[in-house]
Amino acid sequence: MAELLHDKSDDSSHLSLAQLRERDFRQAETLQIEYEKIGYAQLRLIRKSDIKQMLIVWGRPEGHRLPRKVFEDRWLEFAEG
């Protein structure tokens, strides 16, 4: 969830802290975040120890994608307010 909201990629739109405070987070909380689709390689906020635990618990994902790419339509709705 944090990667979706705070992604700092060059090709991604950014919201200021003030804009983030104005948004209704309940919309983002309803997203079905699937490890199999997102993986871990694009999650910049996790550590190597987190990855090890993810692999132990869930195994290898199908792929690695940015949460904003997986939920692009929802992110655009959220970013527009």
PDB file of N, CA and C in Angstrom:
ATOM      1  N   MET A   1       0.820  -1.185   0.000  1.00  0.00           N
ATOM      2  CA  MET A   1       0.000   0.000   0.000  1.00  0.00           C
ATOM      3  C   MET A   1       0.868   1.255   0.000  1.00  0.00           C
ATOM      4  N   ALA A   2       1.930   1.250   0.798  1.00  0.00           N
ATOM      5  CA  ALA A   2       2.807   2.419   0.880  1.00  0.00           C
ATOM      6  C   ALA A   2       3.468   2.702  -0.467  1.00  0.00           C
ATOM      7  N   GLU A   3       3.871   1.667  -1.166  1.00  0.00           N
ATOM      8  CA  GLU A   3       4.500   1.857  -2.475  1.00  0.00           C
ATOM      9  C   GLU A   3       3.509   2.468  -3.463  1.00  0.00           C
ATOM     10  N   LEU A   4       2.271   2.063  -3.397  1.00  0.00           N
ATOM     11  CA  LEU A   4       1.245   2.627  -4.266  1.00  0.00           C
ATOM     12  C   LEU A   4       1.082   4.123  -4.006  1.00  0.00           C
ATOM     13  N   LEU A   5       1.033   4.502  -2.751  1.00  0.00           N
ATOM     14  CA  LEU A   5       0.768   5.895  -2.396  1.00  0.00           C
ATOM     15  C   LEU A   5       1.987   6.800  -2.503  1.00  0.00           C
ATOM     16  N   HIS A   6       3.168   6.266  -2.262  1.00  0.00           N
ATOM     17  CA  HIS A   6       4.360   7.104  -2.157  1.00  0.00           C
ATOM     18  C   HIS A   6       5.407   6.850  -3.237  1.00  0.00           C
ATOM     19  N   ASP A   7       5.053   6.180  -4.305  1.00  0.00           N
ATOM     20  CA  ASP A   7       6.000   5.860  -5.378  1.00  0.00           C
ATOM     21  C   ASP A   7       6.692   7.132  -5.870  1.00  0.00           C
ATOM     22  N   LYS A   8       8.002   7.083  -5.947  1.00  0.00           N
ATOM     23  CA  LYS A   8       8.789   8.243  -6.385  1.00  0.00           C
ATOM     24  C   LYS A   8       9.447   8.012  -7.749  1.00  0.00           C
ATOM     25  N   SER A   9       8.957   7.054  -8.519  1.00  0.00           N
ATOM     26  CA  SER A   9       9.511   6.791  -9.842  1.00  0.00           C
ATOM     27  C   SER A   9       9.425   8.041 -10.703  1.00  0.00           C
ATOM     28  N   ASP A  10      10.399   8.214 -11.572  1.00  0.00           N
ATOM     29  CA  ASP A  10      10.421   9.385 -12.444  1.00  0.00           C
ATOM     30  C   ASP A  10       9.202   9.469 -13.356  1.00  0.00           C
ATOM     31  N   ASP A  11       8.712   8.330 -13.800  1.00  0.00           N
ATOM     32  CA  ASP A  11       7.590   8.317 -14.740  1.00  0.00           C
ATOM     33  C   ASP A  11       6.226   8.298 -14.046  1.00  0.00           C
ATOM     34  N   SER A  12       6.215   8.515 -12.756  1.00  0.00           N
ATOM     35  CA  SER A  12       4.981   8.448 -11.993  1.00  0.00           C
ATOM     36  C   SER A  12       4.604   9.820 -11.449  1.00  0.00           C
ATOM     37  N   SER A  13       3.295  10.056 -11.351  1.00  0.00           N
ATOM     38  CA  SER A  13       2.849  11.319 -10.765  1.00  0.00           C
ATOM     39  C   SER A  13       3.048  11.262  -9.255  1.00  0.00           C
ATOM     40  N   HIS A  14       3.272  12.403  -8.670  1.00  0.00           N
ATOM     41  CA  HIS A  14       3.534  12.482  -7.233  1.00  0.00           C
ATOM     42  C   HIS A  14       2.491  13.375  -6.576  1.00  0.00           C
ATOM     43  N   LEU A  15       2.067  12.973  -5.413  1.00  0.00           N
ATOM     44  CA  LEU A  15       1.158  13.797  -4.626  1.00  0.00           C
ATOM     45  C   LEU A  15       1.913  14.352  -3.434  1.00  0.00           C
ATOM     46  N   SER A  16       1.648  15.602  -3.131  1.00  0.00           N
ATOM     47  CA  SER A  16       2.273  16.214  -1.961  1.00  0.00           C
ATOM     48  C   SER A  16       1.647  15.621  -0.700  1.00  0.00           C
ATOM     49  N   LEU A  17       2.286  15.860   0.433  1.00  0.00           N
ATOM     50  CA  LEU A  17       1.712  15.387   1.694  1.00  0.00           C
ATOM     51  C   LEU A  17       0.336  15.999   1.938  1.00  0.00           C
ATOM     52  N   ALA A  18       0.175  17.262   1.573  1.00  0.00           N
ATOM     53  CA  ALA A  18      -1.119  17.920   1.737  1.00  0.00           C
ATOM     54  C   ALA A  18      -2.186  17.229   0.880  1.00  0.00           C
ATOM     55  N   GLN A  19      -1.822  16.882  -0.358  1.00  0.00           N
ATOM     56  CA  GLN A  19      -2.763  16.184  -1.229  1.00  0.00           C
ATOM     57  C   GLN A  19      -3.096  14.800  -0.677  1.00  0.00           C
ATOM     58  N   LEU A  20      -2.097  14.101  -0.171  1.00  0.00           N
ATOM     59  CA  LEU A  20      -2.335  12.780   0.404  1.00  0.00           C
ATOM     60  C   LEU A  20      -3.278  12.859   1.605  1.00  0.00           C
ATOM     61  N   ARG A  21      -3.129  13.912   2.396  1.00  0.00           N
ATOM     62  CA  ARG A  21      -3.990  14.074   3.570  1.00  0.00           C
ATOM     63  C   ARG A  21      -5.444  14.326   3.182  1.00  0.00           C
ATOM     64  N   GLU A  22      -5.658  14.909   2.004  1.00  0.00           N
ATOM     65  CA  GLU A  22      -7.008  15.220   1.546  1.00  0.00           C
ATOM     66  C   GLU A  22      -7.745  14.006   0.987  1.00  0.00           C
ATOM     67  N   ARG A  23      -7.011  12.978   0.615  1.00  0.00           N
ATOM     68  CA  ARG A  23      -7.607  11.820  -0.050  1.00  0.00           C
ATOM     69  C   ARG A  23      -8.275  10.872   0.941  1.00  0.00           C
ATOM     70  N   ASP A  24      -9.254  10.161   0.431  1.00  0.00           N
ATOM     71  CA  ASP A  24      -9.965   9.155   1.206  1.00  0.00           C
ATOM     72  C   ASP A  24      -9.241   7.826   1.025  1.00  0.00           C
ATOM     73  N   PHE A  25      -8.532   7.375   2.043  1.00  0.00           N
ATOM     74  CA  PHE A  25      -7.744   6.157   1.954  1.00  0.00           C
ATOM     75  C   PHE A  25      -8.589   4.889   1.951  1.00  0.00           C
ATOM     76  N   ARG A  26      -9.845   4.992   2.293  1.00  0.00           N
ATOM     77  CA  ARG A  26     -10.683   3.789   2.299  1.00  0.00           C
ATOM     78  C   ARG A  26     -10.734   3.147   0.921  1.00  0.00           C
ATOM     79  N   GLN A  27     -10.686   3.960  -0.115  1.00  0.00           N
ATOM     80  CA  GLN A  27     -10.679   3.432  -1.487  1.00  0.00           C
ATOM     81  C   GLN A  27      -9.452   2.557  -1.720  1.00  0.00           C
ATOM     82  N   ALA A  28      -8.292   3.009  -1.284  1.00  0.00           N
ATOM     83  CA  ALA A  28      -7.060   2.239  -1.471  1.00  0.00           C
ATOM     84  C   ALA A  28      -7.048   0.988  -0.610  1.00  0.00           C
ATOM     85  N   GLU A  29      -7.662   1.048   0.553  1.00  0.00           N
ATOM     86  CA  GLU A  29      -7.673  -0.096   1.465  1.00  0.00           C
ATOM     87  C   GLU A  29      -8.495  -1.261   0.942  1.00  0.00           C
ATOM     88  N   THR A  30      -9.358  -1.036  -0.024  1.00  0.00           N
ATOM     89  CA  THR A  30     -10.192  -2.113  -0.562  1.00  0.00           C
ATOM     90  C   THR A  30      -9.506  -2.889  -1.687  1.00  0.00           C
ATOM     91  N   LEU A  31      -8.353  -2.441  -2.118  1.00  0.00           N
ATOM     92  CA  LEU A  31      -7.656  -3.126  -3.208  1.00  0.00           C
ATOM     93  C   LEU A  31      -7.201  -4.517  -2.794  1.00  0.00           C
ATOM     94  N   GLN A  32      -7.368  -5.460  -3.685  1.00  0.00           N
ATOM     95  CA  GLN A  32      -6.896  -6.824  -3.455  1.00  0.00           C
ATOM     96  C   GLN A  32      -5.453  -6.895  -3.945  1.00  0.00           C
ATOM     97  N   ILE A  33      -4.507  -6.775  -3.049  1.00  0.00           N
ATOM     98  CA  ILE A  33      -3.098  -6.776  -3.413  1.00  0.00           C
ATOM     99  C   ILE A  33      -2.608  -8.215  -3.414  1.00  0.00           C
ATOM    100  N   GLU A  34      -2.255  -8.698  -4.586  1.00  0.00           N
ATOM    101  CA  GLU A  34      -1.844 -10.083  -4.743  1.00  0.00           C
ATOM    102  C   GLU A  34      -0.335 -10.174  -4.921  1.00  0.00           C
ATOM    103  N   TYR A  35       0.301 -10.842  -4.002  1.00  0.00           N
ATOM    104  CA  TYR A  35       1.748 -11.055  -4.047  1.00  0.00           C
ATOM    105  C   TYR A  35       2.168 -11.684  -5.368  1.00  0.00           C
ATOM    106  N   GLU A  36       1.377 -12.619  -5.875  1.00  0.00           N
ATOM    107  CA  GLU A  36       1.717 -13.304  -7.127  1.00  0.00           C
ATOM    108  C   GLU A  36       1.895 -12.332  -8.284  1.00  0.00           C
ATOM    109  N   LYS A  37       1.114 -11.256  -8.309  1.00  0.00           N
ATOM    110  CA  LYS A  37       1.165 -10.291  -9.406  1.00  0.00           C
ATOM    111  C   LYS A  37       2.194  -9.193  -9.172  1.00  0.00           C
ATOM    112  N   ILE A  38       2.358  -8.793  -7.925  1.00  0.00           N
ATOM    113  CA  ILE A  38       3.240  -7.663  -7.619  1.00  0.00           C
ATOM    114  C   ILE A  38       4.651  -8.122  -7.288  1.00  0.00           C
ATOM    115  N   GLY A  39       4.779  -9.225  -6.587  1.00  0.00           N
ATOM    116  CA  GLY A  39       6.109  -9.705  -6.200  1.00  0.00           C
ATOM    117  C   GLY A  39       6.749  -8.791  -5.179  1.00  0.00           C
ATOM    118  N   TYR A  40       8.077  -8.723  -5.211  1.00  0.00           N
ATOM    119  CA  TYR A  40       8.797  -7.906  -4.228  1.00  0.00           C
ATOM    120  C   TYR A  40       9.859  -6.997  -4.831  1.00  0.00           C
ATOM    121  N   ALA A  41      10.313  -7.263  -6.033  1.00  0.00           N
ATOM    122  CA  ALA A  41      11.442  -6.530  -6.604  1.00  0.00           C
ATOM    123  C   ALA A  41      11.165  -5.039  -6.814  1.00  0.00           C
ATOM    124  N   GLN A  42       9.912  -4.656  -6.998  1.00  0.00           N
ATOM    125  CA  GLN A  42       9.566  -3.254  -7.226  1.00  0.00           C
ATOM    126  C   GLN A  42       9.112  -2.536  -5.958  1.00  0.00           C
ATOM    127  N   LEU A  43       9.193  -3.212  -4.834  1.00  0.00           N
ATOM    128  CA  LEU A  43       8.796  -2.605  -3.563  1.00  0.00           C
ATOM    129  C   LEU A  43      10.039  -2.034  -2.896  1.00  0.00           C
ATOM    130  N   ARG A  44      10.213  -0.753  -3.003  1.00  0.00           N
ATOM    131  CA  ARG A  44      11.441  -0.104  -2.527  1.00  0.00           C
ATOM    132  C   ARG A  44      11.497   0.066  -1.006  1.00  0.00           C
ATOM    133  N   LEU A  45      10.401  -0.124  -0.336  1.00  0.00           N
ATOM    134  CA  LEU A  45      10.350   0.108   1.104  1.00  0.00           C
ATOM    135  C   LEU A  45      10.616  -1.142   1.934  1.00  0.00           C
ATOM    136  N   ILE A  46      10.857  -2.272   1.278  1.00  0.00           N
ATOM    137  CA  ILE A  46      11.123  -3.490   2.032  1.00  0.00           C
ATOM    138  C   ILE A  46      12.622  -3.795   2.030  1.00  0.00           C
ATOM    139  N   ARG A  47      13.027  -4.637   2.952  1.00  0.00           N
ATOM    140  CA  ARG A  47      14.437  -4.993   3.119  1.00  0.00           C
ATOM    141  C   ARG A  47      14.673  -6.439   2.687  1.00  0.00           C
ATOM    142  N   LYS A  48      15.941  -6.811   2.622  1.00  0.00           N
ATOM    143  CA  LYS A  48      16.287  -8.180   2.243  1.00  0.00           C
ATOM    144  C   LYS A  48      15.663  -9.195   3.188  1.00  0.00           C
ATOM    145  N   SER A  49      15.626  -8.869   4.466  1.00  0.00           N
ATOM    146  CA  SER A  49      15.018  -9.794   5.436  1.00  0.00           C
ATOM    147  C   SER A  49      13.523  -9.961   5.161  1.00  0.00           C
ATOM    148  N   ASP A  50      12.857  -8.890   4.707  1.00  0.00           N
ATOM    149  CA  ASP A  50      11.439  -8.990   4.345  1.00  0.00           C
ATOM    150  C   ASP A  50      11.265  -9.926   3.156  1.00  0.00           C
ATOM    151  N   ILE A  51      12.139  -9.787   2.172  1.00  0.00           N
ATOM    152  CA  ILE A  51      12.066 -10.631   0.975  1.00  0.00           C
ATOM    153  C   ILE A  51      12.255 -12.092   1.350  1.00  0.00           C
ATOM    154  N   LYS A  52      13.208 -12.373   2.214  1.00  0.00           N
ATOM    155  CA  LYS A  52      13.432 -13.760   2.649  1.00  0.00           C
ATOM    156  C   LYS A  52      12.173 -14.334   3.286  1.00  0.00           C
ATOM    157  N   GLN A  53      11.526 -13.557   4.129  1.00  0.00           N
ATOM    158  CA  GLN A  53      10.304 -14.017   4.783  1.00  0.00           C
ATOM    159  C   GLN A  53       9.181 -14.224   3.765  1.00  0.00           C
ATOM    160  N   MET A  54       9.070 -13.326   2.804  1.00  0.00           N
ATOM    161  CA  MET A  54       8.040 -13.455   1.771  1.00  0.00           C
ATOM    162  C   MET A  54       8.243 -14.742   0.970  1.00  0.00           C
ATOM    163  N   LEU A  55       9.478 -15.028   0.638  1.00  0.00           N
ATOM    164  CA  LEU A  55       9.776 -16.250  -0.109  1.00  0.00           C
ATOM    165  C   LEU A  55       9.464 -17.500   0.705  1.00  0.00           C
ATOM    166  N   ILE A  56       9.743 -17.461   1.990  1.00  0.00           N
ATOM    167  CA  ILE A  56       9.436 -18.601   2.863  1.00  0.00           C
ATOM    168  C   ILE A  56       7.923 -18.817   2.946  1.00  0.00           C
ATOM    169  N   VAL A  57       7.193 -17.745   3.145  1.00  0.00           N
ATOM    170  CA  VAL A  57       5.750 -17.852   3.367  1.00  0.00           C
ATOM    171  C   VAL A  57       4.987 -18.078   2.065  1.00  0.00           C
ATOM    172  N   TRP A  58       5.310 -17.316   1.008  1.00  0.00           N
ATOM    173  CA  TRP A  58       4.521 -17.346  -0.221  1.00  0.00           C
ATOM    174  C   TRP A  58       5.241 -17.952  -1.429  1.00  0.00           C
ATOM    175  N   GLY A  59       6.525 -18.210  -1.327  1.00  0.00           N
ATOM    176  CA  GLY A  59       7.265 -18.744  -2.470  1.00  0.00           C
ATOM    177  C   GLY A  59       7.583 -17.653  -3.486  1.00  0.00           C
ATOM    178  N   ARG A  60       8.004 -18.071  -4.670  1.00  0.00           N
ATOM    179  CA  ARG A  60       8.355 -17.115  -5.728  1.00  0.00           C
ATOM    180  C   ARG A  60       7.088 -16.616  -6.424  1.00  0.00           C
ATOM    181  N   PRO A  61       7.006 -15.309  -6.675  1.00  0.00           N
ATOM    182  CA  PRO A  61       5.838 -14.761  -7.371  1.00  0.00           C
ATOM    183  C   PRO A  61       5.923 -15.039  -8.874  1.00  0.00           C
ATOM    184  N   GLU A  62       4.811 -14.835  -9.560  1.00  0.00           N
ATOM    185  CA  GLU A  62       4.786 -14.977 -11.021  1.00  0.00           C
ATOM    186  C   GLU A  62       5.653 -13.918 -11.682  1.00  0.00           C
ATOM    187  N   GLY A  63       5.696 -12.742 -11.093  1.00  0.00           N
ATOM    188  CA  GLY A  63       6.450 -11.637 -11.654  1.00  0.00           C
ATOM    189  C   GLY A  63       6.576 -10.510 -10.653  1.00  0.00           C
ATOM    190  N   HIS A  64       7.206  -9.442 -11.099  1.00  0.00           N
ATOM    191  CA  HIS A  64       7.429  -8.277 -10.243  1.00  0.00           C
ATOM    192  C   HIS A  64       6.952  -7.041 -10.996  1.00  0.00           C
ATOM    193  N   ARG A  65       5.984  -6.340 -10.424  1.00  0.00           N
ATOM    194  CA  ARG A  65       5.434  -5.148 -11.066  1.00  0.00           C
ATOM    195  C   ARG A  65       5.210  -4.057 -10.033  1.00  0.00           C
ATOM    196  N   LEU A  66       5.295  -2.840 -10.468  1.00  0.00           N
ATOM    197  CA  LEU A  66       4.985  -1.710  -9.597  1.00  0.00           C
ATOM    198  C   LEU A  66       3.498  -1.733  -9.248  1.00  0.00           C
ATOM    199  N   PRO A  67       3.163  -1.500  -7.992  1.00  0.00           N
ATOM    200  CA  PRO A  67       1.749  -1.445  -7.626  1.00  0.00           C
ATOM    201  C   PRO A  67       0.967  -0.427  -8.465  1.00  0.00           C
ATOM    202  N   ARG A  68       1.584   0.672  -8.841  1.00  0.00           N
ATOM    203  CA  ARG A  68       0.866   1.670  -9.652  1.00  0.00           C
ATOM    204  C   ARG A  68       0.591   1.172 -11.066  1.00  0.00           C
ATOM    205  N   LYS A  69       1.357   0.236 -11.543  1.00  0.00           N
ATOM    206  CA  LYS A  69       1.066  -0.365 -12.850  1.00  0.00           C
ATOM    207  C   LYS A  69      -0.064  -1.383 -12.717  1.00  0.00           C
ATOM    208  N   VAL A  70      -0.055  -2.147 -11.643  1.00  0.00           N
ATOM    209  CA  VAL A  70      -1.103  -3.146 -11.409  1.00  0.00           C
ATOM    210  C   VAL A  70      -2.448  -2.457 -11.193  1.00  0.00           C
ATOM    211  N   PHE A  71      -2.445  -1.372 -10.448  1.00  0.00           N
ATOM    212  CA  PHE A  71      -3.675  -0.646 -10.108  1.00  0.00           C
ATOM    213  C   PHE A  71      -3.719   0.722 -10.781  1.00  0.00           C
ATOM    214  N   GLU A  72      -3.300   0.785 -12.030  1.00  0.00           N
ATOM    215  CA  GLU A  72      -3.177   2.070 -12.723  1.00  0.00           C
ATOM    216  C   GLU A  72      -4.480   2.862 -12.758  1.00  0.00           C
ATOM    217  N   ASP A  73      -5.573   2.213 -13.111  1.00  0.00           N
ATOM    218  CA  ASP A  73      -6.867   2.913 -13.171  1.00  0.00           C
ATOM    219  C   ASP A  73      -7.268   3.466 -11.810  1.00  0.00           C
ATOM    220  N   ARG A  74      -7.103   2.647 -10.775  1.00  0.00           N
ATOM    221  CA  ARG A  74      -7.461   3.097  -9.420  1.00  0.00           C
ATOM    222  C   ARG A  74      -6.552   4.223  -8.959  1.00  0.00           C
ATOM    223  N   TRP A  75      -5.239   4.138  -9.302  1.00  0.00           N
ATOM    224  CA  TRP A  75      -4.313   5.195  -8.911  1.00  0.00           C
ATOM    225  C   TRP A  75      -4.713   6.514  -9.559  1.00  0.00           C
ATOM    226  N   LEU A  76      -5.088   6.494 -10.836  1.00  0.00           N
ATOM    227  CA  LEU A  76      -5.486   7.728 -11.513  1.00  0.00           C
ATOM    228  C   LEU A  76      -6.710   8.340 -10.851  1.00  0.00           C
ATOM    229  N   GLU A  77      -7.673   7.511 -10.491  1.00  0.00           N
ATOM    230  CA  GLU A  77      -8.852   8.007  -9.769  1.00  0.00           C
ATOM    231  C   GLU A  77      -8.441   8.633  -8.439  1.00  0.00           C
ATOM    232  N   PHE A  78      -7.570   7.944  -7.740  1.00  0.00           N
ATOM    233  CA  PHE A  78      -7.121   8.415  -6.436  1.00  0.00           C
ATOM    234  C   PHE A  78      -6.337   9.721  -6.568  1.00  0.00           C
ATOM    235  N   ALA A  79      -5.448   9.799  -7.544  1.00  0.00           N
ATOM    236  CA  ALA A  79      -4.601  10.977  -7.734  1.00  0.00           C
ATOM    237  C   ALA A  79      -5.416  12.207  -8.126  1.00  0.00           C
ATOM    238  N   GLU A  80      -6.500  11.990  -8.868  1.00  0.00           N
ATOM    239  CA  GLU A  80      -7.340  13.111  -9.279  1.00  0.00           C
ATOM    240  C   GLU A  80      -8.222  13.620  -8.150  1.00  0.00           C
ATOM    241  N   GLY A  81      -8.359  12.818  -7.116  1.00  0.00           N
ATOM    242  CA  GLY A  81      -9.139  13.247  -5.953  1.00  0.00           C
ATOM    243  C   GLY A  81     -10.563  12.889  -6.098  1.00  0.00           C
TER     244      GLY A  81
END
